[in-house]
Amino acid sequence: GVAPDFISWHHYTSDPMCLSKSADRARRLCDELGFPNCELIVNEWHYFGPNYSWADMQRSSDPAAKARIWEGPDSHNGIRSSAFTLATLANIQRSELSQAYYYGCRHTGSWGFKNELQEKYKVFYALRLFGRIVKDYRTICASTGEKTYTLFAVKSADGAKKGLLVADYGGKERTIAIDVKGVSAVRAVTLLDHTHDLTPHAATLQGGRLVLEKPDANSAAFFVEFE
């Protein structure tokens, strides 16, 4: 006769919509059982690439496994992981989840945001960017992504500042074109990709069409601030 305060679970995946989908299933389950106030909590989540396995993670001396996990843009903490992280964070804001905890924000180790030499993983910059977004832009606006793109439109509490996060997770196309409304000009663009860490970038906005160019064919993320 006691209702649970919450249910929680881990989620490691390469699908940036997976946490939101699992929360939808959990919400339906709890509601059907008569627990509409039960909180839904993902107590660990992180990118887990489709090109390696848990067994690979434990075979650190295997050169082939090490290459799949730790090297290049598609690695565990590379730009693909970072685009996944930004897309997932955006999707979480619009989900049924009450809380979600990225695993793990420690200073060293393969699951943190720095390595043992204190060198920052690419995902460090993804977390920094999203922290900046939620600090300065408190209102979520309507946005719909397609293909490999996750869009997250936001504005400041007073409506004076408007922004758009574009996370391209696994896309190969170099040109990204997006229809936008209610903005007049691009004020600034921040780029995170395989070779850039939150650096200024260019974009064009004409006739309600925003065009962004990726420097290469890997995953990437942009934060566009509008006039």
C-alpha atoms as a PDB file:
ATOM      1  CA  GLY A   1       0.000   0.000   0.000  1.00  0.00           C
ATOM      2  CA  VAL A   2       2.999   2.331  -0.300  1.00  0.00           C
ATOM      3  CA  ALA A   3       3.544   4.223  -3.553  1.00  0.00           C
ATOM      4  CA  PRO A   4       7.164   4.440  -4.787  1.00  0.00           C
ATOM      5  CA  ASP A   5       8.714   7.908  -4.778  1.00  0.00           C
ATOM      6  CA  PHE A   6      10.807   7.111  -7.849  1.00  0.00           C
ATOM      7  CA  ILE A   7      12.158   4.431 -10.143  1.00  0.00           C
ATOM      8  CA  SER A   8      15.670   4.661 -11.585  1.00  0.00           C
ATOM      9  CA  TRP A   9      17.850   2.892 -14.103  1.00  0.00           C
ATOM     10  CA  HIS A  10      21.131   3.101 -16.067  1.00  0.00           C
ATOM     11  CA  HIS A  11      21.217   3.749 -19.787  1.00  0.00           C
ATOM     12  CA  TYR A  12      24.223   3.384 -22.083  1.00  0.00           C
ATOM     13  CA  THR A  13      23.395   3.737 -25.755  1.00  0.00           C
ATOM     14  CA  SER A  14      24.280   5.251 -29.130  1.00  0.00           C
ATOM     15  CA  ASP A  15      20.713   6.487 -29.811  1.00  0.00           C
ATOM     16  CA  PRO A  16      20.215  10.094 -28.600  1.00  0.00           C
ATOM     17  CA  MET A  17      16.451   9.522 -28.357  1.00  0.00           C
ATOM     18  CA  CYS A  18      16.776   6.346 -26.293  1.00  0.00           C
ATOM     19  CA  LEU A  19      16.595   7.973 -22.846  1.00  0.00           C
ATOM     20  CA  SER A  20      13.450   9.865 -23.809  1.00  0.00           C
ATOM     21  CA  LYS A  21      11.840   6.737 -25.256  1.00  0.00           C
ATOM     22  CA  SER A  22      12.617   4.702 -22.149  1.00  0.00           C
ATOM     23  CA  ALA A  23      11.141   7.472 -20.006  1.00  0.00           C
ATOM     24  CA  ASP A  24       7.950   7.388 -22.094  1.00  0.00           C
ATOM     25  CA  ARG A  25       7.643   3.651 -21.445  1.00  0.00           C
ATOM     26  CA  ALA A  26       8.315   4.107 -17.737  1.00  0.00           C
ATOM     27  CA  ARG A  27       5.731   6.914 -17.504  1.00  0.00           C
ATOM     28  CA  ARG A  28       3.072   4.742 -19.118  1.00  0.00           C
ATOM     29  CA  LEU A  29       3.907   1.853 -16.789  1.00  0.00           C
ATOM     30  CA  CYS A  30       3.751   3.981 -13.645  1.00  0.00           C
ATOM     31  CA  ASP A  31       0.535   5.702 -14.706  1.00  0.00           C
ATOM     32  CA  GLU A  32      -1.127   2.380 -15.536  1.00  0.00           C
ATOM     33  CA  LEU A  33      -0.189   1.045 -12.096  1.00  0.00           C
ATOM     34  CA  GLY A  34      -1.641   4.105 -10.374  1.00  0.00           C
ATOM     35  CA  PHE A  35       1.600   5.947  -9.611  1.00  0.00           C
ATOM     36  CA  PRO A  36       1.280   9.250 -11.548  1.00  0.00           C
ATOM     37  CA  ASN A  37       3.584  11.090  -9.115  1.00  0.00           C
ATOM     38  CA  CYS A  38       6.425   8.564  -9.303  1.00  0.00           C
ATOM     39  CA  GLU A  39       9.613  10.326 -10.452  1.00  0.00           C
ATOM     40  CA  LEU A  40      11.612   8.868 -13.329  1.00  0.00           C
ATOM     41  CA  ILE A  41      15.378   9.007 -12.890  1.00  0.00           C
ATOM     42  CA  VAL A  42      18.221   7.840 -15.136  1.00  0.00           C
ATOM     43  CA  ASN A  43      21.002   7.621 -12.564  1.00  0.00           C
ATOM     44  CA  GLU A  44      23.761   6.899 -15.127  1.00  0.00           C
ATOM     45  CA  TRP A  45      23.919   7.645 -18.830  1.00  0.00           C
ATOM     46  CA  HIS A  46      26.724   7.951 -21.334  1.00  0.00           C
ATOM     47  CA  TYR A  47      27.464   7.394 -24.988  1.00  0.00           C
ATOM     48  CA  PHE A  48      28.318   3.811 -25.886  1.00  0.00           C
ATOM     49  CA  GLY A  49      29.432   3.462 -29.486  1.00  0.00           C
ATOM     50  CA  PRO A  50      27.923   0.963 -31.922  1.00  0.00           C
ATOM     51  CA  ASN A  51      31.397  -0.084 -33.085  1.00  0.00           C
ATOM     52  CA  TYR A  52      32.557  -1.640 -29.793  1.00  0.00           C
ATOM     53  CA  SER A  53      31.248  -3.760 -26.902  1.00  0.00           C
ATOM     54  CA  TRP A  54      31.550  -4.024 -23.130  1.00  0.00           C
ATOM     55  CA  ALA A  55      34.023  -6.842 -23.707  1.00  0.00           C
ATOM     56  CA  ASP A  56      36.125  -4.475 -25.851  1.00  0.00           C
ATOM     57  CA  MET A  57      36.182  -1.955 -22.985  1.00  0.00           C
ATOM     58  CA  GLN A  58      37.799  -4.577 -20.755  1.00  0.00           C
ATOM     59  CA  ARG A  59      40.422  -5.678 -23.300  1.00  0.00           C
ATOM     60  CA  SER A  60      42.570  -2.574 -22.997  1.00  0.00           C
ATOM     61  CA  SER A  61      45.680  -4.353 -24.328  1.00  0.00           C
ATOM     62  CA  ASP A  62      44.033  -5.356 -27.620  1.00  0.00           C
ATOM     63  CA  PRO A  63      45.224  -2.829 -30.250  1.00  0.00           C
ATOM     64  CA  ALA A  64      42.133  -3.318 -32.412  1.00  0.00           C
ATOM     65  CA  ALA A  65      39.785  -2.777 -29.455  1.00  0.00           C
ATOM     66  CA  LYS A  66      41.761   0.268 -28.308  1.00  0.00           C
ATOM     67  CA  ALA A  67      41.563   1.792 -31.775  1.00  0.00           C
ATOM     68  CA  ARG A  68      37.789   1.318 -31.955  1.00  0.00           C
ATOM     69  CA  ILE A  69      37.177   2.804 -28.525  1.00  0.00           C
ATOM     70  CA  TRP A  70      39.730   5.550 -28.021  1.00  0.00           C
ATOM     71  CA  GLU A  71      40.966   6.804 -31.378  1.00  0.00           C
ATOM     72  CA  GLY A  72      39.465   9.201 -33.887  1.00  0.00           C
ATOM     73  CA  PRO A  73      36.271  11.243 -34.138  1.00  0.00           C
ATOM     74  CA  ASP A  74      33.979   8.255 -33.519  1.00  0.00           C
ATOM     75  CA  SER A  75      35.707   7.271 -30.276  1.00  0.00           C
ATOM     76  CA  HIS A  76      34.182   6.960 -26.804  1.00  0.00           C
ATOM     77  CA  ASN A  77      34.925  10.588 -25.897  1.00  0.00           C
ATOM     78  CA  GLY A  78      35.356  12.081 -29.377  1.00  0.00           C
ATOM     79  CA  ILE A  79      33.162  14.426 -31.392  1.00  0.00           C
ATOM     80  CA  ARG A  80      30.557  11.761 -32.195  1.00  0.00           C
ATOM     81  CA  SER A  81      30.169  11.149 -28.454  1.00  0.00           C
ATOM     82  CA  SER A  82      29.942  14.919 -27.923  1.00  0.00           C
ATOM     83  CA  ALA A  83      27.242  15.393 -30.557  1.00  0.00           C
ATOM     84  CA  PHE A  84      25.352  12.488 -28.967  1.00  0.00           C
ATOM     85  CA  THR A  85      25.713  14.128 -25.539  1.00  0.00           C
ATOM     86  CA  LEU A  86      24.346  17.464 -26.755  1.00  0.00           C
ATOM     87  CA  ALA A  87      21.478  15.803 -28.622  1.00  0.00           C
ATOM     88  CA  THR A  88      20.616  13.691 -25.581  1.00  0.00           C
ATOM     89  CA  LEU A  89      20.742  16.678 -23.223  1.00  0.00           C
ATOM     90  CA  ALA A  90      18.401  18.572 -25.537  1.00  0.00           C
ATOM     91  CA  ASN A  91      15.995  15.643 -25.772  1.00  0.00           C
ATOM     92  CA  ILE A  92      16.012  15.163 -21.999  1.00  0.00           C
ATOM     93  CA  GLN A  93      14.681  18.702 -21.509  1.00  0.00           C
ATOM     94  CA  ARG A  94      11.586  17.743 -23.510  1.00  0.00           C
ATOM     95  CA  SER A  95      11.130  14.285 -21.982  1.00  0.00           C
ATOM     96  CA  GLU A  96       9.204  12.692 -19.110  1.00  0.00           C
ATOM     97  CA  LEU A  97      12.385  12.347 -17.055  1.00  0.00           C
ATOM     98  CA  SER A  98      12.507  13.983 -13.640  1.00  0.00           C
ATOM     99  CA  GLN A  99      16.297  13.726 -13.331  1.00  0.00           C
ATOM    100  CA  ALA A 100      19.201  12.372 -15.374  1.00  0.00           C
ATOM    101  CA  TYR A 101      22.860  12.031 -14.393  1.00  0.00           C
ATOM    102  CA  TYR A 102      25.674  11.974 -16.920  1.00  0.00           C
ATOM    103  CA  TYR A 103      28.293   9.375 -16.041  1.00  0.00           C
ATOM    104  CA  GLY A 104      30.611  10.647 -15.042  1.00  0.00           C
ATOM    105  CA  CYS A 105      31.766  14.161 -14.397  1.00  0.00           C
ATOM    106  CA  ARG A 106      35.006  13.321 -12.658  1.00  0.00           C
ATOM    107  CA  HIS A 107      38.427  14.739 -13.381  1.00  0.00           C
ATOM    108  CA  THR A 108      40.137  11.596 -14.643  1.00  0.00           C
ATOM    109  CA  GLY A 109      39.277   8.279 -16.218  1.00  0.00           C
ATOM    110  CA  SER A 110      37.702   7.014 -19.389  1.00  0.00           C
ATOM    111  CA  TRP A 111      34.163   7.942 -18.290  1.00  0.00           C
ATOM    112  CA  GLY A 112      35.004  11.474 -17.199  1.00  0.00           C
ATOM    113  CA  PHE A 113      35.771  14.629 -19.147  1.00  0.00           C
ATOM    114  CA  LYS A 114      39.570  14.586 -18.740  1.00  0.00           C
ATOM    115  CA  ASN A 115      42.183  11.880 -19.131  1.00  0.00           C
ATOM    116  CA  GLU A 116      44.899  10.994 -16.633  1.00  0.00           C
ATOM    117  CA  LEU A 117      47.127  13.739 -18.084  1.00  0.00           C
ATOM    118  CA  GLN A 118      44.391  16.318 -17.405  1.00  0.00           C
ATOM    119  CA  GLU A 119      43.805  16.753 -21.126  1.00  0.00           C
ATOM    120  CA  LYS A 120      40.189  17.574 -21.850  1.00  0.00           C
ATOM    121  CA  TYR A 121      38.113  15.118 -23.827  1.00  0.00           C
ATOM    122  CA  LYS A 122      35.960  16.549 -26.587  1.00  0.00           C
ATOM    123  CA  VAL A 123      32.857  15.890 -24.463  1.00  0.00           C
ATOM    124  CA  PHE A 124      34.107  18.463 -21.929  1.00  0.00           C
ATOM    125  CA  TYR A 125      33.273  21.179 -24.448  1.00  0.00           C
ATOM    126  CA  ALA A 126      29.838  19.710 -25.113  1.00  0.00           C
ATOM    127  CA  LEU A 127      29.007  19.891 -21.409  1.00  0.00           C
ATOM    128  CA  ARG A 128      30.398  23.433 -21.173  1.00  0.00           C
ATOM    129  CA  LEU A 129      28.287  24.560 -24.125  1.00  0.00           C
ATOM    130  CA  PHE A 130      25.065  23.091 -22.778  1.00  0.00           C
ATOM    131  CA  GLY A 131      25.754  24.610 -19.375  1.00  0.00           C
ATOM    132  CA  ARG A 132      26.007  27.996 -21.027  1.00  0.00           C
ATOM    133  CA  ILE A 133      22.728  27.422 -22.882  1.00  0.00           C
ATOM    134  CA  VAL A 134      20.673  26.468 -19.813  1.00  0.00           C
ATOM    135  CA  LYS A 135      22.174  29.363 -17.832  1.00  0.00           C
ATOM    136  CA  ASP A 136      21.396  32.101 -20.351  1.00  0.00           C
ATOM    137  CA  TYR A 137      18.364  30.725 -22.195  1.00  0.00           C
ATOM    138  CA  ARG A 138      15.574  29.654 -19.842  1.00  0.00           C
ATOM    139  CA  THR A 139      12.692  29.165 -22.271  1.00  0.00           C
ATOM    140  CA  ILE A 140      12.465  26.235 -24.716  1.00  0.00           C
ATOM    141  CA  CYS A 141      10.880  27.050 -28.076  1.00  0.00           C
ATOM    142  CA  ALA A 142       9.364  24.734 -30.662  1.00  0.00           C
ATOM    143  CA  SER A 143      11.886  22.974 -32.897  1.00  0.00           C
ATOM    144  CA  THR A 144      11.869  19.783 -34.911  1.00  0.00           C
ATOM    145  CA  GLY A 145      14.950  18.010 -36.231  1.00  0.00           C
ATOM    146  CA  GLU A 146      15.198  15.338 -38.889  1.00  0.00           C
ATOM    147  CA  LYS A 147      17.731  12.868 -40.250  1.00  0.00           C
ATOM    148  CA  THR A 148      20.889  13.154 -38.142  1.00  0.00           C
ATOM    149  CA  TYR A 149      20.008  16.587 -36.729  1.00  0.00           C
ATOM    150  CA  THR A 150      18.734  17.381 -33.250  1.00  0.00           C
ATOM    151  CA  LEU A 151      17.532  20.973 -32.879  1.00  0.00           C
ATOM    152  CA  PHE A 152      17.013  22.819 -29.602  1.00  0.00           C
ATOM    153  CA  ALA A 153      15.578  26.326 -29.939  1.00  0.00           C
ATOM    154  CA  VAL A 154      15.716  28.571 -26.870  1.00  0.00           C
ATOM    155  CA  LYS A 155      15.306  32.163 -25.737  1.00  0.00           C
ATOM    156  CA  SER A 156      16.204  34.151 -22.650  1.00  0.00           C
ATOM    157  CA  ALA A 157      13.630  34.788 -19.941  1.00  0.00           C
ATOM    158  CA  ASP A 158      12.992  38.308 -21.238  1.00  0.00           C
ATOM    159  CA  GLY A 159      12.920  37.174 -24.873  1.00  0.00           C
ATOM    160  CA  ALA A 160      15.782  39.470 -25.836  1.00  0.00           C
ATOM    161  CA  LYS A 161      18.176  36.657 -26.754  1.00  0.00           C
ATOM    162  CA  LYS A 162      17.334  33.748 -29.048  1.00  0.00           C
ATOM    163  CA  GLY A 163      19.462  30.736 -29.860  1.00  0.00           C
ATOM    164  CA  LEU A 164      19.460  27.432 -31.697  1.00  0.00           C
ATOM    165  CA  LEU A 165      21.562  24.366 -30.863  1.00  0.00           C
ATOM    166  CA  VAL A 166      22.192  22.150 -33.877  1.00  0.00           C
ATOM    167  CA  ALA A 167      23.696  18.758 -33.025  1.00  0.00           C
ATOM    168  CA  ASP A 168      24.600  16.726 -36.101  1.00  0.00           C
ATOM    169  CA  TYR A 169      25.151  13.211 -34.793  1.00  0.00           C
ATOM    170  CA  GLY A 170      26.785  10.952 -37.354  1.00  0.00           C
ATOM    171  CA  GLY A 171      25.850  13.017 -40.389  1.00  0.00           C
ATOM    172  CA  LYS A 172      28.119  13.010 -43.428  1.00  0.00           C
ATOM    173  CA  GLU A 173      26.666  15.984 -45.312  1.00  0.00           C
ATOM    174  CA  ARG A 174      28.844  19.067 -45.070  1.00  0.00           C
ATOM    175  CA  THR A 175      26.013  21.589 -45.568  1.00  0.00           C
ATOM    176  CA  ILE A 176      23.188  21.915 -43.029  1.00  0.00           C
ATOM    177  CA  ALA A 177      20.126  23.944 -44.041  1.00  0.00           C
ATOM    178  CA  ILE A 178      17.375  24.743 -41.515  1.00  0.00           C
ATOM    179  CA  ASP A 179      14.153  26.747 -41.785  1.00  0.00           C
ATOM    180  CA  VAL A 180      13.851  29.262 -38.932  1.00  0.00           C
ATOM    181  CA  LYS A 181      11.182  31.799 -37.968  1.00  0.00           C
ATOM    182  CA  GLY A 182      11.033  34.866 -35.757  1.00  0.00           C
ATOM    183  CA  VAL A 183      14.648  35.974 -36.126  1.00  0.00           C
ATOM    184  CA  SER A 184      16.195  38.628 -38.355  1.00  0.00           C
ATOM    185  CA  ALA A 185      19.944  38.004 -38.417  1.00  0.00           C
ATOM    186  CA  VAL A 186      22.735  35.828 -37.049  1.00  0.00           C
ATOM    187  CA  ARG A 187      24.711  37.490 -34.264  1.00  0.00           C
ATOM    188  CA  ALA A 188      27.243  34.737 -33.506  1.00  0.00           C
ATOM    189  CA  VAL A 189      27.926  31.056 -34.158  1.00  0.00           C
ATOM    190  CA  THR A 190      29.912  28.689 -31.932  1.00  0.00           C
ATOM    191  CA  LEU A 191      31.323  25.493 -33.458  1.00  0.00           C
ATOM    192  CA  LEU A 192      32.306  22.228 -31.810  1.00  0.00           C
ATOM    193  CA  ASP A 193      33.742  19.599 -34.132  1.00  0.00           C
ATOM    194  CA  HIS A 194      36.679  17.214 -34.433  1.00  0.00           C
ATOM    195  CA  THR A 195      39.228  20.039 -34.716  1.00  0.00           C
ATOM    196  CA  HIS A 196      37.441  23.025 -33.116  1.00  0.00           C
ATOM    197  CA  ASP A 197      36.553  23.524 -29.448  1.00  0.00           C
ATOM    198  CA  LEU A 198      33.767  26.113 -29.165  1.00  0.00           C
ATOM    199  CA  THR A 199      35.302  28.473 -31.690  1.00  0.00           C
ATOM    200  CA  PRO A 200      33.556  31.239 -33.692  1.00  0.00           C
ATOM    201  CA  HIS A 201      32.127  30.133 -37.023  1.00  0.00           C
ATOM    202  CA  ALA A 202      30.176  31.568 -39.949  1.00  0.00           C
ATOM    203  CA  ALA A 203      26.565  31.073 -41.022  1.00  0.00           C
ATOM    204  CA  THR A 204      24.135  32.630 -43.472  1.00  0.00           C
ATOM    205  CA  LEU A 205      20.479  33.489 -42.903  1.00  0.00           C
ATOM    206  CA  GLN A 206      18.409  34.526 -45.889  1.00  0.00           C
ATOM    207  CA  GLY A 207      14.688  34.240 -46.472  1.00  0.00           C
ATOM    208  CA  GLY A 208      14.208  32.248 -43.277  1.00  0.00           C
ATOM    209  CA  ARG A 209      16.817  29.683 -44.313  1.00  0.00           C
ATOM    210  CA  LEU A 210      19.798  29.144 -42.003  1.00  0.00           C
ATOM    211  CA  VAL A 211      22.822  27.524 -43.652  1.00  0.00           C
ATOM    212  CA  LEU A 212      25.775  26.099 -41.715  1.00  0.00           C
ATOM    213  CA  GLU A 213      28.881  24.538 -43.242  1.00  0.00           C
ATOM    214  CA  LYS A 214      30.757  21.778 -41.425  1.00  0.00           C
ATOM    215  CA  PRO A 215      34.548  21.821 -41.822  1.00  0.00           C
ATOM    216  CA  ASP A 216      34.588  18.048 -42.368  1.00  0.00           C
ATOM    217  CA  ALA A 217      32.253  15.072 -42.741  1.00  0.00           C
ATOM    218  CA  ASN A 218      32.308  14.058 -39.062  1.00  0.00           C
ATOM    219  CA  SER A 219      29.724  14.787 -36.380  1.00  0.00           C
ATOM    220  CA  ALA A 220      29.543  18.404 -35.224  1.00  0.00           C
ATOM    221  CA  ALA A 221      27.503  20.845 -33.175  1.00  0.00           C
ATOM    222  CA  PHE A 222      26.688  24.523 -33.585  1.00  0.00           C
ATOM    223  CA  PHE A 223      25.099  27.060 -31.299  1.00  0.00           C
ATOM    224  CA  VAL A 224      23.629  29.941 -33.275  1.00  0.00           C
ATOM    225  CA  GLU A 225      22.712  33.194 -31.549  1.00  0.00           C
ATOM    226  CA  PHE A 226      20.278  35.490 -33.355  1.00  0.00           C
ATOM    227  CA  GLU A 227      19.516  39.199 -33.373  1.00  0.00           C
END
